[in-house]
PDB file of all heavy atoms in Angstrom:
ATOM      1  N   PHE A   1     111.786  53.873 116.231  1.00  0.00           N
ATOM      2  CA  PHE A   1     112.016  54.045 117.665  1.00  0.00           C
ATOM      3  C   PHE A   1     111.161  55.127 118.316  1.00  0.00           C
ATOM      4  O   PHE A   1     111.266  55.327 119.516  1.00  0.00           O
ATOM      5  CB  PHE A   1     113.495  54.382 117.911  1.00  0.00           C
ATOM      6  CG  PHE A   1     114.422  53.250 117.623  1.00  0.00           C
ATOM      7  CD1 PHE A   1     115.017  53.123 116.395  1.00  0.00           C
ATOM      8  CD2 PHE A   1     114.684  52.280 118.584  1.00  0.00           C
ATOM      9  CE1 PHE A   1     115.863  52.068 116.110  1.00  0.00           C
ATOM     10  CE2 PHE A   1     115.521  51.228 118.315  1.00  0.00           C
ATOM     11  CZ  PHE A   1     116.120  51.120 117.074  1.00  0.00           C
ATOM     12  N   SER A   2     110.340  55.810 117.543  1.00  0.00           N
ATOM     13  CA  SER A   2     109.594  56.907 118.148  1.00  0.00           C
ATOM     14  C   SER A   2     108.199  57.033 117.549  1.00  0.00           C
ATOM     15  O   SER A   2     108.001  56.842 116.343  1.00  0.00           O
ATOM     16  CB  SER A   2     110.353  58.227 117.941  1.00  0.00           C
ATOM     17  OG  SER A   2     109.608  59.316 118.443  1.00  0.00           O
ATOM     18  N   LEU A   3     107.227  57.360 118.409  1.00  0.00           N
ATOM     19  CA  LEU A   3     105.870  57.671 117.970  1.00  0.00           C
ATOM     20  C   LEU A   3     105.653  59.178 117.876  1.00  0.00           C
ATOM     21  O   LEU A   3     104.555  59.633 117.561  1.00  0.00           O
ATOM     22  CB  LEU A   3     104.849  57.084 118.958  1.00  0.00           C
ATOM     23  CG  LEU A   3     104.803  55.554 119.057  1.00  0.00           C
ATOM     24  CD1 LEU A   3     103.792  55.133 120.116  1.00  0.00           C
ATOM     25  CD2 LEU A   3     104.464  54.932 117.720  1.00  0.00           C
ATOM     26  N   THR A   4     106.699  59.949 118.103  1.00  0.00           N
ATOM     27  CA  THR A   4     106.582  61.400 118.070  1.00  0.00           C
ATOM     28  C   THR A   4     106.059  61.926 116.742  1.00  0.00           C
ATOM     29  O   THR A   4     105.220  62.838 116.719  1.00  0.00           O
ATOM     30  CB  THR A   4     107.931  62.053 118.409  1.00  0.00           C
ATOM     31  OG1 THR A   4     108.340  61.625 119.707  1.00  0.00           O
ATOM     32  CG2 THR A   4     107.825  63.564 118.402  1.00  0.00           C
ATOM     33  N   PRO A   5     106.519  61.413 115.583  1.00  0.00           N
ATOM     34  CA  PRO A   5     105.961  61.919 114.324  1.00  0.00           C
ATOM     35  C   PRO A   5     104.456  61.724 114.208  1.00  0.00           C
ATOM     36  O   PRO A   5     103.759  62.573 113.647  1.00  0.00           O
ATOM     37  CB  PRO A   5     106.709  61.101 113.253  1.00  0.00           C
ATOM     38  CG  PRO A   5     108.000  60.753 113.897  1.00  0.00           C
ATOM     39  CD  PRO A   5     107.654  60.512 115.334  1.00  0.00           C
ATOM     40  N   LEU A   6     103.929  60.613 114.730  1.00  0.00           N
ATOM     41  CA  LEU A   6     102.479  60.419 114.716  1.00  0.00           C
ATOM     42  C   LEU A   6     101.786  61.459 115.589  1.00  0.00           C
ATOM     43  O   LEU A   6     100.734  62.004 115.219  1.00  0.00           O
ATOM     44  CB  LEU A   6     102.130  59.010 115.193  1.00  0.00           C
ATOM     45  CG  LEU A   6     102.469  57.859 114.235  1.00  0.00           C
ATOM     46  CD1 LEU A   6     102.159  56.530 114.894  1.00  0.00           C
ATOM     47  CD2 LEU A   6     101.705  58.011 112.936  1.00  0.00           C
ATOM     48  N   ARG A   7     102.363  61.725 116.741  1.00  0.00           N
ATOM     49  CA  ARG A   7     101.790  62.755 117.611  1.00  0.00           C
ATOM     50  C   ARG A   7     101.911  64.136 116.954  1.00  0.00           C
ATOM     51  O   ARG A   7     101.037  64.994 117.115  1.00  0.00           O
ATOM     52  CB  ARG A   7     102.500  62.741 118.963  1.00  0.00           C
ATOM     53  CG  ARG A   7     102.335  61.416 119.713  1.00  0.00           C
ATOM     54  CD  ARG A   7     102.829  61.527 121.135  1.00  0.00           C
ATOM     55  NE  ARG A   7     102.674  60.255 121.841  1.00  0.00           N
ATOM     56  CZ  ARG A   7     103.663  59.406 122.084  1.00  0.00           C
ATOM     57  NH1 ARG A   7     104.892  59.697 121.681  1.00  0.00           N
ATOM     58  NH2 ARG A   7     103.439  58.276 122.711  1.00  0.00           N
ATOM     59  N   PHE A   8     102.996  64.330 116.205  1.00  0.00           N
ATOM     60  CA  PHE A   8     103.180  65.586 115.486  1.00  0.00           C
ATOM     61  C   PHE A   8     102.065  65.771 114.464  1.00  0.00           C
ATOM     62  O   PHE A   8     101.516  66.864 114.308  1.00  0.00           O
ATOM     63  CB  PHE A   8     104.548  65.577 114.806  1.00  0.00           C
ATOM     64  CG  PHE A   8     104.829  66.792 113.979  1.00  0.00           C
ATOM     65  CD1 PHE A   8     104.946  68.046 114.571  1.00  0.00           C
ATOM     66  CD2 PHE A   8     104.983  66.699 112.609  1.00  0.00           C
ATOM     67  CE1 PHE A   8     105.210  69.169 113.810  1.00  0.00           C
ATOM     68  CE2 PHE A   8     105.243  67.813 111.847  1.00  0.00           C
ATOM     69  CZ  PHE A   8     105.354  69.057 112.444  1.00  0.00           C
ATOM     70  N   ALA A   9     101.718  64.684 113.764  1.00  0.00           N
ATOM     71  CA  ALA A   9     100.620  64.755 112.797  1.00  0.00           C
ATOM     72  C   ALA A   9      99.302  65.073 113.493  1.00  0.00           C
ATOM     73  O   ALA A   9      98.476  65.825 112.973  1.00  0.00           O
ATOM     74  CB  ALA A   9     100.517  63.431 112.035  1.00  0.00           C
ATOM     75  N   THR A  10      99.109  64.511 114.676  1.00  0.00           N
ATOM     76  CA  THR A  10      97.891  64.797 115.443  1.00  0.00           C
ATOM     77  C   THR A  10      97.813  66.267 115.820  1.00  0.00           C
ATOM     78  O   THR A  10      96.764  66.915 115.688  1.00  0.00           O
ATOM     79  CB  THR A  10      97.845  63.924 116.703  1.00  0.00           C
ATOM     80  OG1 THR A  10      97.883  62.542 116.333  1.00  0.00           O
ATOM     81  CG2 THR A  10      96.574  64.190 117.496  1.00  0.00           C
ATOM     82  N   TRP A  11      98.929  66.811 116.303  1.00  0.00           N
ATOM     83  CA  TRP A  11      98.953  68.229 116.672  1.00  0.00           C
ATOM     84  C   TRP A  11      98.748  69.130 115.457  1.00  0.00           C
ATOM     85  O   TRP A  11      98.094  70.179 115.549  1.00  0.00           O
ATOM     86  CB  TRP A  11     100.269  68.575 117.358  1.00  0.00           C
ATOM     87  CG  TRP A  11     100.318  68.116 118.782  1.00  0.00           C
ATOM     88  CD1 TRP A  11     101.030  67.091 119.310  1.00  0.00           C
ATOM     89  CD2 TRP A  11      99.583  68.687 119.879  1.00  0.00           C
ATOM     90  NE1 TRP A  11     100.798  66.964 120.652  1.00  0.00           N
ATOM     91  CE2 TRP A  11      99.911  67.931 121.039  1.00  0.00           C
ATOM     92  CE3 TRP A  11      98.676  69.744 120.002  1.00  0.00           C
ATOM     93  CZ2 TRP A  11      99.373  68.221 122.285  1.00  0.00           C
ATOM     94  CZ3 TRP A  11      98.140  70.020 121.254  1.00  0.00           C
ATOM     95  CH2 TRP A  11      98.487  69.270 122.374  1.00  0.00           C
ATOM     96  N   LEU A  12      99.303  68.729 114.305  1.00  0.00           N
ATOM     97  CA  LEU A  12      99.063  69.506 113.096  1.00  0.00           C
ATOM     98  C   LEU A  12      97.577  69.524 112.753  1.00  0.00           C
ATOM     99  O   LEU A  12      97.021  70.547 112.333  1.00  0.00           O
ATOM    100  CB  LEU A  12      99.863  68.924 111.927  1.00  0.00           C
ATOM    101  CG  LEU A  12     101.358  69.240 111.878  1.00  0.00           C
ATOM    102  CD1 LEU A  12     101.991  68.550 110.677  1.00  0.00           C
ATOM    103  CD2 LEU A  12     101.592  70.745 111.803  1.00  0.00           C
ATOM    104  N   GLY A  13      96.916  68.368 112.914  1.00  0.00           N
ATOM    105  CA  GLY A  13      95.484  68.305 112.663  1.00  0.00           C
ATOM    106  C   GLY A  13      94.695  69.201 113.600  1.00  0.00           C
ATOM    107  O   GLY A  13      93.765  69.897 113.185  1.00  0.00           O
ATOM    108  N   LEU A  14      95.087  69.201 114.892  1.00  0.00           N
ATOM    109  CA  LEU A  14      94.409  70.076 115.855  1.00  0.00           C
ATOM    110  C   LEU A  14      94.620  71.544 115.531  1.00  0.00           C
ATOM    111  O   LEU A  14      93.680  72.354 115.590  1.00  0.00           O
ATOM    112  CB  LEU A  14      94.911  69.762 117.267  1.00  0.00           C
ATOM    113  CG  LEU A  14      94.517  68.396 117.842  1.00  0.00           C
ATOM    114  CD1 LEU A  14      95.185  68.185 119.194  1.00  0.00           C
ATOM    115  CD2 LEU A  14      92.993  68.292 117.978  1.00  0.00           C
ATOM    116  N   LEU A  15      95.851  71.897 115.173  1.00  0.00           N
ATOM    117  CA  LEU A  15      96.126  73.297 114.818  1.00  0.00           C
ATOM    118  C   LEU A  15      95.367  73.700 113.566  1.00  0.00           C
ATOM    119  O   LEU A  15      94.860  74.834 113.461  1.00  0.00           O
ATOM    120  CB  LEU A  15      97.628  73.492 114.615  1.00  0.00           C
ATOM    121  CG  LEU A  15      98.498  73.394 115.872  1.00  0.00           C
ATOM    122  CD1 LEU A  15      99.983  73.511 115.515  1.00  0.00           C
ATOM    123  CD2 LEU A  15      98.123  74.489 116.868  1.00  0.00           C
ATOM    124  N   GLY A  16      95.294  72.760 112.593  1.00  0.00           N
ATOM    125  CA  GLY A  16      94.515  73.050 111.389  1.00  0.00           C
ATOM    126  C   GLY A  16      93.043  73.267 111.705  1.00  0.00           C
ATOM    127  O   GLY A  16      92.402  74.145 111.130  1.00  0.00           O
ATOM    128  N   GLY A  17      92.518  72.463 112.632  1.00  0.00           N
ATOM    129  CA  GLY A  17      91.130  72.632 113.038  1.00  0.00           C
ATOM    130  C   GLY A  17      90.890  73.971 113.709  1.00  0.00           C
ATOM    131  O   GLY A  17      89.887  74.642 113.448  1.00  0.00           O
ATOM    132  N   LEU A  18      91.822  74.375 114.577  1.00  0.00           N
ATOM    133  CA  LEU A  18      91.695  75.687 115.235  1.00  0.00           C
ATOM    134  C   LEU A  18      91.770  76.822 114.223  1.00  0.00           C
ATOM    135  O   LEU A  18      91.035  77.820 114.319  1.00  0.00           O
ATOM    136  CB  LEU A  18      92.792  75.838 116.284  1.00  0.00           C
ATOM    137  CG  LEU A  18      92.687  74.928 117.507  1.00  0.00           C
ATOM    138  CD1 LEU A  18      93.906  75.109 118.410  1.00  0.00           C
ATOM    139  CD2 LEU A  18      91.402  75.211 118.275  1.00  0.00           C
ATOM    140  N   ALA A  19      92.659  76.667 113.244  1.00  0.00           N
ATOM    141  CA  ALA A  19      92.768  77.700 112.207  1.00  0.00           C
ATOM    142  C   ALA A  19      91.474  77.793 111.406  1.00  0.00           C
ATOM    143  O   ALA A  19      91.011  78.891 111.061  1.00  0.00           O
ATOM    144  CB  ALA A  19      93.947  77.392 111.292  1.00  0.00           C
ATOM    145  N   ALA A  20      90.871  76.634 111.116  1.00  0.00           N
ATOM    146  CA  ALA A  20      89.606  76.647 110.377  1.00  0.00           C
ATOM    147  C   ALA A  20      88.503  77.325 111.179  1.00  0.00           C
ATOM    148  O   ALA A  20      87.683  78.079 110.628  1.00  0.00           O
ATOM    149  CB  ALA A  20      89.208  75.208 110.030  1.00  0.00           C
ATOM    150  N   LEU A  21      88.467  77.062 112.502  1.00  0.00           N
ATOM    151  CA  LEU A  21      87.476  77.740 113.351  1.00  0.00           C
ATOM    152  C   LEU A  21      87.707  79.246 113.361  1.00  0.00           C
ATOM    153  O   LEU A  21      86.744  80.040 113.366  1.00  0.00           O
ATOM    154  CB  LEU A  21      87.550  77.181 114.771  1.00  0.00           C
ATOM    155  CG  LEU A  21      87.042  75.744 114.958  1.00  0.00           C
ATOM    156  CD1 LEU A  21      87.284  75.294 116.400  1.00  0.00           C
ATOM    157  CD2 LEU A  21      85.558  75.652 114.613  1.00  0.00           C
ATOM    158  N   GLY A  22      88.978  79.652 113.364  1.00  0.00           N
ATOM    159  CA  GLY A  22      89.276  81.083 113.341  1.00  0.00           C
ATOM    160  C   GLY A  22      88.804  81.739 112.062  1.00  0.00           C
ATOM    161  O   GLY A  22      88.235  82.846 112.076  1.00  0.00           O
ATOM    162  N   VAL A  23      89.020  81.049 110.934  1.00  0.00           N
ATOM    163  CA  VAL A  23      88.555  81.587 109.656  1.00  0.00           C
ATOM    164  C   VAL A  23      87.028  81.659 109.629  1.00  0.00           C
ATOM    165  O   VAL A  23      86.444  82.630 109.127  1.00  0.00           O
ATOM    166  CB  VAL A  23      89.084  80.711 108.495  1.00  0.00           C
ATOM    167  CG1 VAL A  23      88.451  81.139 107.173  1.00  0.00           C
ATOM    168  CG2 VAL A  23      90.591  80.808 108.414  1.00  0.00           C
ATOM    169  N   LEU A  24      86.367  80.637 110.202  1.00  0.00           N
ATOM    170  CA  LEU A  24      84.897  80.642 110.247  1.00  0.00           C
ATOM    171  C   LEU A  24      84.381  81.804 111.094  1.00  0.00           C
ATOM    172  O   LEU A  24      83.435  82.503 110.697  1.00  0.00           O
ATOM    173  CB  LEU A  24      84.396  79.312 110.810  1.00  0.00           C
ATOM    174  CG  LEU A  24      82.879  79.182 111.004  1.00  0.00           C
ATOM    175  CD1 LEU A  24      82.174  79.313 109.651  1.00  0.00           C
ATOM    176  CD2 LEU A  24      82.535  77.846 111.667  1.00  0.00           C
ATOM    177  N   ALA A  25      85.008  82.030 112.238  1.00  0.00           N
ATOM    178  CA  ALA A  25      84.591  83.140 113.097  1.00  0.00           C
ATOM    179  C   ALA A  25      84.786  84.477 112.392  1.00  0.00           C
ATOM    180  O   ALA A  25      83.939  85.383 112.475  1.00  0.00           O
ATOM    181  CB  ALA A  25      85.391  83.107 114.403  1.00  0.00           C
ATOM    182  N   TYR A  26      85.917  84.593 111.691  1.00  0.00           N
ATOM    183  CA  TYR A  26      86.183  85.838 110.949  1.00  0.00           C
ATOM    184  C   TYR A  26      85.123  86.063 109.882  1.00  0.00           C
ATOM    185  O   TYR A  26      84.623  87.190 109.698  1.00  0.00           O
ATOM    186  CB  TYR A  26      87.575  85.757 110.324  1.00  0.00           C
ATOM    187  CG  TYR A  26      87.883  86.902 109.390  1.00  0.00           C
ATOM    188  CD1 TYR A  26      88.180  88.175 109.889  1.00  0.00           C
ATOM    189  CD2 TYR A  26      87.871  86.714 108.006  1.00  0.00           C
ATOM    190  CE1 TYR A  26      88.454  89.228 109.033  1.00  0.00           C
ATOM    191  CE2 TYR A  26      88.138  87.758 107.144  1.00  0.00           C
ATOM    192  CZ  TYR A  26      88.431  89.015 107.656  1.00  0.00           C
ATOM    193  OH  TYR A  26      88.704  90.054 106.810  1.00  0.00           O
ATOM    194  N   ALA A  27      84.734  84.988 109.185  1.00  0.00           N
ATOM    195  CA  ALA A  27      83.741  85.120 108.126  1.00  0.00           C
ATOM    196  C   ALA A  27      82.376  85.533 108.694  1.00  0.00           C
ATOM    197  O   ALA A  27      81.679  86.372 108.116  1.00  0.00           O
ATOM    198  CB  ALA A  27      83.623  83.804 107.360  1.00  0.00           C
TER     199      ALA A  27
END
């Protein structure tokens, strides 16, 4: 009944990407 979990996975991917950019900037 809901597509929210799929959107949740998308947001997790975006947050993971932002975290990776932060680690790259720190390095």
